[in-house]
N, C-alpha and C. Protein backbone atom coordinates (compact mmCIF):
# COMPACT_ATOMS: atom_id res chain seq x y z
N MET A 1 -19.83 50.34 107.46
CA MET A 1 -20.06 51.69 107.52
C MET A 1 -19.17 52.71 106.60
N SER A 2 -19.36 53.74 106.01
CA SER A 2 -18.81 54.44 105.22
C SER A 2 -17.73 54.97 106.40
N ASP A 3 -16.60 56.03 105.48
CA ASP A 3 -15.74 56.93 106.54
C ASP A 3 -16.21 57.99 106.19
N HIS A 4 -17.23 58.37 105.33
CA HIS A 4 -17.72 59.71 105.75
C HIS A 4 -19.27 59.80 106.02
N VAL A 5 -19.71 60.86 106.12
CA VAL A 5 -21.39 61.25 106.44
C VAL A 5 -22.25 61.28 105.09
N GLU A 6 -22.99 60.60 104.93
CA GLU A 6 -24.34 60.63 103.78
C GLU A 6 -24.64 62.41 103.35
N GLY A 7 -24.09 62.14 102.26
CA GLY A 7 -24.59 63.52 101.62
C GLY A 7 -23.25 64.48 101.60
N ARG A 8 -22.36 63.95 102.07
CA ARG A 8 -21.20 65.21 102.11
C ARG A 8 -19.81 64.30 101.46
N THR A 9 -19.21 65.12 100.49
CA THR A 9 -17.99 64.87 100.11
C THR A 9 -16.78 64.72 101.07
N PRO A 10 -16.26 63.89 100.62
CA PRO A 10 -15.13 63.23 101.70
C PRO A 10 -13.81 64.24 101.77
N THR A 11 -13.61 64.31 102.86
CA THR A 11 -12.22 64.72 102.78
C THR A 11 -11.62 64.73 101.63
N ARG A 12 -10.36 65.97 100.56
CA ARG A 12 -9.93 65.84 100.37
C ARG A 12 -8.19 66.04 100.32
N HIS A 13 -7.36 65.52 100.17
CA HIS A 13 -5.97 66.77 100.00
C HIS A 13 -5.40 67.47 98.50
N LEU A 14 -5.42 68.97 98.97
CA LEU A 14 -5.55 69.87 98.69
C LEU A 14 -3.75 69.92 97.90
N SER A 15 -3.80 70.21 96.49
CA SER A 15 -2.36 70.11 95.91
C SER A 15 -1.56 71.42 96.25
N GLU A 16 -0.69 71.15 96.04
CA GLU A 16 0.43 72.22 96.48
C GLU A 16 0.06 73.39 96.25
N GLU A 17 -0.69 73.27 94.39
CA GLU A 17 -0.69 75.16 94.23
C GLU A 17 -1.75 75.65 94.88
N GLU A 18 -2.74 74.57 95.81
CA GLU A 18 -3.92 74.92 96.22
C GLU A 18 -3.71 75.73 97.73
N CYS A 19 -2.20 74.64 98.12
CA CYS A 19 -2.00 75.04 99.34
C CYS A 19 -1.52 77.03 99.31
N TRP A 20 -0.59 76.90 98.46
CA TRP A 20 0.23 78.37 98.37
C TRP A 20 -1.21 79.60 98.04
N GLN A 21 -2.13 79.25 97.33
CA GLN A 21 -2.30 79.62 97.02
C GLN A 21 -3.99 80.40 98.66
N ARG A 22 -4.09 79.41 99.40
CA ARG A 22 -4.84 79.06 100.49
C ARG A 22 -3.88 80.38 101.63
N LEU A 23 -2.41 79.77 101.55
CA LEU A 23 -1.11 80.53 102.30
C LEU A 23 -1.18 81.94 102.09
N ALA A 24 -1.25 82.36 100.88
CA ALA A 24 -1.34 83.82 100.32
C ALA A 24 -2.46 84.83 100.65
N ALA A 25 -3.74 83.72 101.02
CA ALA A 25 -4.64 84.17 101.19
C ALA A 25 -5.32 84.66 102.45
N VAL A 26 -4.48 83.95 103.16
CA VAL A 26 -5.07 84.22 104.65
C VAL A 26 -3.40 84.95 105.27
N PRO A 27 -4.06 86.04 106.19
CA PRO A 27 -2.58 86.97 106.62
C PRO A 27 -2.15 85.98 108.05
N TYR A 28 -2.76 85.21 108.62
CA TYR A 28 -2.29 84.87 109.54
C TYR A 28 -2.02 83.28 109.54
N GLY A 29 -1.01 82.85 110.75
CA GLY A 29 -1.12 81.40 111.15
C GLY A 29 -0.74 81.27 112.83
N ARG A 30 -0.02 79.56 112.60
CA ARG A 30 0.19 79.69 113.84
C ARG A 30 2.15 78.99 113.10
N VAL A 31 2.86 79.16 114.13
CA VAL A 31 3.88 79.06 114.06
C VAL A 31 4.39 77.77 115.42
N ALA A 32 5.00 76.96 114.89
CA ALA A 32 5.06 75.66 115.93
C ALA A 32 6.86 75.05 116.37
N MET A 33 7.01 75.11 117.03
CA MET A 33 8.17 74.27 117.71
C MET A 33 8.91 74.32 118.82
N SER A 34 9.97 73.54 119.03
CA SER A 34 10.56 73.23 119.80
C SER A 34 12.10 73.53 120.68
N ALA A 35 11.30 73.00 121.85
CA ALA A 35 13.37 74.20 122.52
C ALA A 35 13.39 73.47 123.87
N ALA A 36 14.28 72.67 124.19
CA ALA A 36 14.65 72.58 125.64
C ALA A 36 13.59 71.50 125.80
N GLY A 37 12.90 70.54 125.04
CA GLY A 37 12.05 69.54 125.35
C GLY A 37 10.22 70.02 125.44
N GLU A 38 9.82 71.24 125.14
CA GLU A 38 8.95 71.86 125.40
C GLU A 38 8.16 72.41 123.93
N VAL A 39 7.51 71.80 123.47
CA VAL A 39 6.90 72.48 121.95
C VAL A 39 5.76 73.76 122.34
N ASP A 40 6.17 75.33 121.65
CA ASP A 40 5.40 76.09 121.64
C ASP A 40 4.70 76.63 120.52
N VAL A 41 3.63 77.04 120.44
CA VAL A 41 2.72 77.11 119.17
C VAL A 41 2.76 79.12 119.64
N PHE A 42 3.00 79.99 118.12
CA PHE A 42 3.02 81.47 118.18
C PHE A 42 1.81 82.08 117.12
N PRO A 43 0.64 82.73 117.41
CA PRO A 43 0.36 83.33 116.26
C PRO A 43 1.16 84.45 115.75
N VAL A 44 1.01 84.48 114.37
CA VAL A 44 1.65 85.42 113.53
C VAL A 44 0.97 85.79 112.14
N ASN A 45 1.25 87.16 111.95
CA ASN A 45 0.92 87.46 110.39
C ASN A 45 2.21 87.64 109.74
N HIS A 46 1.56 87.12 108.44
CA HIS A 46 2.86 86.40 107.68
C HIS A 46 2.13 86.71 106.11
N ALA A 47 3.61 86.53 105.44
CA ALA A 47 3.11 87.07 104.10
C ALA A 47 3.72 85.37 103.37
N VAL A 48 3.34 85.43 101.98
CA VAL A 48 4.09 84.42 100.78
C VAL A 48 5.29 85.30 99.97
N ASP A 49 6.18 85.01 100.41
CA ASP A 49 7.29 85.57 99.33
C ASP A 49 8.02 84.21 98.69
N ASN A 50 8.03 84.23 97.50
CA ASN A 50 8.36 83.07 96.15
C ASN A 50 9.06 81.95 97.34
N GLY A 51 7.56 81.19 97.34
CA GLY A 51 7.55 79.69 97.65
C GLY A 51 8.06 79.44 99.24
N THR A 52 8.29 80.84 99.66
CA THR A 52 9.06 80.63 101.39
C THR A 52 7.47 81.59 102.24
N ILE A 53 7.80 81.88 103.42
CA ILE A 53 6.50 82.23 104.67
C ILE A 53 7.53 83.24 105.07
N VAL A 54 7.25 84.42 105.31
CA VAL A 54 8.00 85.85 106.09
C VAL A 54 6.71 86.14 107.21
N PHE A 55 7.14 86.45 108.62
CA PHE A 55 6.61 86.81 109.23
C PHE A 55 7.62 87.93 110.17
N ARG A 56 6.98 89.08 111.05
CA ARG A 56 8.33 89.88 111.89
C ARG A 56 7.94 89.37 113.37
N THR A 57 8.91 89.60 113.87
CA THR A 57 8.63 89.46 115.69
C THR A 57 9.45 90.00 116.16
N SER A 58 9.55 90.22 117.43
CA SER A 58 10.40 91.09 118.12
C SER A 58 11.59 90.11 118.86
N ALA A 59 12.65 90.70 119.40
CA ALA A 59 13.17 90.03 120.66
C ALA A 59 12.65 89.41 121.71
N GLY A 60 12.73 88.35 121.93
CA GLY A 60 12.12 87.25 123.12
C GLY A 60 12.27 85.78 122.56
N THR A 61 10.95 85.01 123.07
CA THR A 61 10.80 83.43 123.67
C THR A 61 10.98 82.97 121.85
N LYS A 62 10.10 83.44 120.68
CA LYS A 62 9.95 83.22 120.04
C LYS A 62 11.27 82.95 118.75
N LEU A 63 12.22 84.09 118.87
CA LEU A 63 13.13 84.40 118.15
C LEU A 63 14.56 83.79 118.73
N LEU A 64 14.18 83.71 120.12
CA LEU A 64 14.96 82.58 121.04
C LEU A 64 15.12 81.21 120.17
N GLU A 65 14.36 80.36 120.61
CA GLU A 65 13.79 79.40 120.45
C GLU A 65 14.27 78.94 119.02
N LEU A 66 13.98 80.05 117.86
CA LEU A 66 14.16 79.87 115.98
C LEU A 66 16.10 79.57 116.07
N THR A 67 16.81 80.25 117.14
CA THR A 67 18.14 80.43 117.07
C THR A 67 18.55 78.91 117.13
N ILE A 68 17.89 78.30 118.65
CA ILE A 68 18.21 76.85 119.56
C ILE A 68 17.97 75.98 118.11
N ARG A 69 16.28 75.71 117.72
CA ARG A 69 16.38 74.71 116.59
C ARG A 69 15.33 75.52 115.39
N HIS A 70 15.89 75.18 114.26
CA HIS A 70 15.34 75.81 113.35
C HIS A 70 14.32 75.19 112.74
N HIS A 71 13.96 73.63 113.12
CA HIS A 71 13.00 73.28 112.37
C HIS A 71 11.85 73.74 112.71
N VAL A 72 10.57 73.80 112.09
CA VAL A 72 9.65 74.26 112.60
C VAL A 72 8.02 73.57 111.64
N ALA A 73 7.26 74.10 112.23
CA ALA A 73 5.56 73.69 111.50
C ALA A 73 4.74 74.89 111.73
N PHE A 74 4.06 74.99 110.62
CA PHE A 74 3.49 76.28 110.11
C PHE A 74 2.57 76.22 110.12
N GLN A 75 1.23 76.61 110.37
CA GLN A 75 -0.21 75.71 109.89
C GLN A 75 -1.53 77.15 109.69
N ILE A 76 -2.22 77.10 108.99
CA ILE A 76 -3.51 77.77 108.71
C ILE A 76 -4.34 77.30 108.86
N ASP A 77 -5.14 77.68 108.87
CA ASP A 77 -7.33 77.35 108.36
C ASP A 77 -7.74 78.78 108.05
N GLY A 78 -8.99 78.23 107.67
CA GLY A 78 -10.03 78.83 107.63
C GLY A 78 -11.52 78.31 106.79
N PHE A 79 -12.42 79.11 106.51
CA PHE A 79 -13.58 78.48 106.39
C PHE A 79 -14.31 79.52 105.47
N THR A 80 -15.85 78.76 104.65
CA THR A 80 -16.25 79.60 103.89
C THR A 80 -17.48 78.86 104.88
N ASP A 81 -18.49 79.54 104.03
CA ASP A 81 -20.16 79.02 104.94
C ASP A 81 -20.19 77.18 104.17
N SER A 82 -19.44 76.67 103.17
CA SER A 82 -19.47 75.58 102.78
C SER A 82 -18.74 74.80 102.67
N GLU A 83 -17.17 75.22 103.15
CA GLU A 83 -16.43 74.39 103.22
C GLU A 83 -15.11 74.81 104.41
N ALA A 84 -14.62 73.89 105.10
CA ALA A 84 -13.33 74.43 105.54
C ALA A 84 -12.09 73.97 105.44
N PHE A 85 -10.67 74.45 105.26
CA PHE A 85 -9.46 73.74 104.88
C PHE A 85 -8.45 74.38 105.76
N SER A 86 -7.38 73.11 106.46
CA SER A 86 -6.12 73.36 107.22
C SER A 86 -5.07 73.16 106.08
N VAL A 87 -4.30 74.03 106.17
CA VAL A 87 -2.98 74.02 105.36
C VAL A 87 -2.08 73.51 106.34
N VAL A 88 -1.01 72.92 106.19
CA VAL A 88 0.87 72.68 106.92
C VAL A 88 2.26 73.01 106.11
N VAL A 89 2.73 73.84 106.79
CA VAL A 89 4.03 73.85 106.49
C VAL A 89 4.82 73.46 107.00
N LYS A 90 5.73 72.43 107.03
CA LYS A 90 7.11 72.09 107.74
C LYS A 90 8.23 72.56 107.04
N GLY A 91 9.50 72.74 107.73
CA GLY A 91 10.67 73.57 106.97
C GLY A 91 11.72 74.31 108.31
N GLU A 92 12.42 75.00 107.66
CA GLU A 92 13.86 75.74 108.73
C GLU A 92 13.34 77.17 108.30
N ALA A 93 13.19 77.35 109.37
CA ALA A 93 12.89 78.76 109.51
C ALA A 93 14.40 79.60 110.15
N ALA A 94 14.63 80.53 109.48
CA ALA A 94 15.70 81.76 110.32
C ALA A 94 15.33 82.98 110.31
N GLU A 95 16.47 83.98 110.62
CA GLU A 95 15.97 85.48 110.60
C GLU A 95 16.93 85.79 110.05
N PHE A 96 16.84 86.80 108.64
CA PHE A 96 16.92 87.67 107.84
C PHE A 96 17.05 88.87 108.54
N ASP A 97 18.06 89.41 107.56
CA ASP A 97 18.38 91.42 108.13
C ASP A 97 19.09 91.85 107.12
N ARG A 98 19.29 90.96 106.07
CA ARG A 98 20.23 91.68 105.14
C ARG A 98 19.32 93.05 104.32
N GLN A 99 19.59 94.22 104.26
CA GLN A 99 19.08 95.55 104.10
C GLN A 99 17.89 94.82 103.17
N GLY A 100 18.58 94.06 102.07
CA GLY A 100 18.00 93.89 101.00
C GLY A 100 16.45 93.26 100.53
N GLU A 101 16.80 92.36 101.51
CA GLU A 101 15.45 91.42 101.97
C GLU A 101 14.49 91.64 102.67
N VAL A 102 15.45 92.66 103.65
CA VAL A 102 14.10 93.26 104.73
C VAL A 102 13.46 94.42 103.75
N TYR A 103 14.28 95.14 102.92
CA TYR A 103 13.06 95.81 102.34
C TYR A 103 12.18 95.31 101.30
N GLN A 104 12.65 94.04 100.58
CA GLN A 104 11.40 93.00 99.67
C GLN A 104 10.60 93.24 101.09
N ALA A 105 10.82 91.73 102.14
CA ALA A 105 9.63 91.85 103.31
C ALA A 105 8.83 93.03 103.64
N GLU A 106 9.28 94.18 103.57
CA GLU A 106 8.64 95.24 103.92
C GLU A 106 7.41 95.69 103.14
N LYS A 107 7.91 94.87 101.55
CA LYS A 107 7.04 95.75 100.75
C LYS A 107 5.81 94.61 100.54
N LEU A 108 6.18 93.30 101.02
CA LEU A 108 4.61 92.47 101.57
C LEU A 108 3.57 92.94 102.39
N GLY A 109 3.28 93.63 103.41
CA GLY A 109 2.62 94.21 103.96
C GLY A 109 2.31 93.47 104.81
N VAL A 110 3.00 93.14 105.88
CA VAL A 110 2.88 92.11 107.03
C VAL A 110 2.87 93.20 107.55
N THR A 111 1.72 93.48 108.78
CA THR A 111 1.09 94.26 109.50
C THR A 111 0.90 93.48 110.75
N PRO A 112 1.52 93.50 111.92
CA PRO A 112 1.13 92.50 113.06
C PRO A 112 0.34 93.23 113.58
N TRP A 113 -0.58 92.29 114.56
CA TRP A 113 -1.98 92.54 114.90
C TRP A 113 -1.12 93.35 116.77
N ALA A 114 -0.18 92.31 116.93
CA ALA A 114 -0.11 92.71 118.35
C ALA A 114 0.62 94.52 118.64
N PRO A 115 0.44 94.88 119.76
CA PRO A 115 0.80 96.42 119.54
C PRO A 115 2.38 95.92 119.71
N GLU A 116 3.53 95.86 120.31
CA GLU A 116 5.01 95.49 120.17
C GLU A 116 5.12 95.66 118.72
N GLU A 117 6.44 95.98 119.21
CA GLU A 117 7.13 96.79 117.65
C GLU A 117 7.87 95.12 117.27
N LYS A 118 7.72 94.83 116.43
CA LYS A 118 8.23 94.21 115.63
C LYS A 118 9.29 93.81 114.64
N ASP A 119 10.25 94.04 115.05
CA ASP A 119 11.51 94.73 113.81
C ASP A 119 12.40 93.19 113.28
N ARG A 120 12.06 92.34 113.77
CA ARG A 120 13.18 91.07 113.60
C ARG A 120 12.26 90.49 112.52
N TRP A 121 12.85 90.04 111.57
CA TRP A 121 11.98 89.25 110.64
C TRP A 121 12.71 87.97 110.45
N VAL A 122 11.89 86.95 109.71
CA VAL A 122 12.21 85.38 109.94
C VAL A 122 11.54 84.47 108.57
N ARG A 123 12.36 83.84 108.11
CA ARG A 123 11.93 83.19 106.52
C ARG A 123 11.53 81.99 106.99
N ILE A 124 10.79 81.29 106.70
CA ILE A 124 10.24 79.60 106.80
C ILE A 124 10.78 79.19 105.13
N THR A 125 11.39 78.15 105.58
CA THR A 125 11.48 77.78 103.82
C THR A 125 10.99 76.37 104.04
N PRO A 126 10.22 75.88 103.20
CA PRO A 126 8.90 74.90 103.26
C PRO A 126 10.46 73.28 102.73
N THR A 127 9.92 72.38 103.60
CA THR A 127 10.71 71.52 103.35
C THR A 127 9.43 70.12 102.98
N GLU A 128 8.19 70.41 103.45
CA GLU A 128 7.01 69.60 103.37
C GLU A 128 5.55 70.71 103.19
N VAL A 129 5.10 70.68 102.40
CA VAL A 129 3.24 71.37 102.21
C VAL A 129 2.47 71.05 101.69
N HIS A 130 1.40 70.49 102.56
CA HIS A 130 -0.20 69.76 102.55
C HIS A 130 -1.40 70.25 103.28
N GLY A 131 -2.32 70.10 102.56
CA GLY A 131 -3.67 70.50 102.84
C GLY A 131 -5.07 69.55 102.69
N ARG A 132 -5.72 69.72 103.33
CA ARG A 132 -7.23 69.10 103.40
C ARG A 132 -7.99 71.13 103.16
N ILE A 133 -9.51 69.87 102.30
CA ILE A 133 -10.42 70.44 102.20
C ILE A 133 -11.44 69.80 102.88
N PHE A 134 -12.51 70.62 103.18
CA PHE A 134 -13.96 69.20 103.52
C PHE A 134 -15.00 70.06 103.16
N ASP A 135 -16.68 69.40 103.45
CA ASP A 135 -17.66 70.29 103.26
C ASP A 135 -17.49 70.49 104.29
N ARG A 136 -18.72 71.79 104.87
CA ARG A 136 -19.15 72.18 106.07
C ARG A 136 -20.44 71.33 106.29
N ALA A 137 -21.04 71.21 107.55
CA ALA A 137 -22.41 70.31 107.45
C ALA A 137 -23.72 71.50 107.30
């Protein structure tokens, strides 16, 4: 028996360049992290900045967890009428607050959807980027 459905192209891996194109095009994703033996997933609005991912947050659980364990996973997905994709970035997250870095990040236009003030910035520096794409039925 075949590993793919008749008439549909098998799932293919995205190149790193294709992954970054999709990361830049989709304004929201999910950050997954672990602290105190628990795994949490948080939706965030993000932007791509010179091979890194930046997002805004506020003081709270997400930021606290990032200070305990820096290793995170970040995931986006999307679809059109004909295909669907998913991109996962694994890397190290760190808060940044230097005025020059914040100024540059603010120019990227990250606009959180949640109504709370998001005055803290986090940067994910990737150690691994991979993605998949497949035809939709």
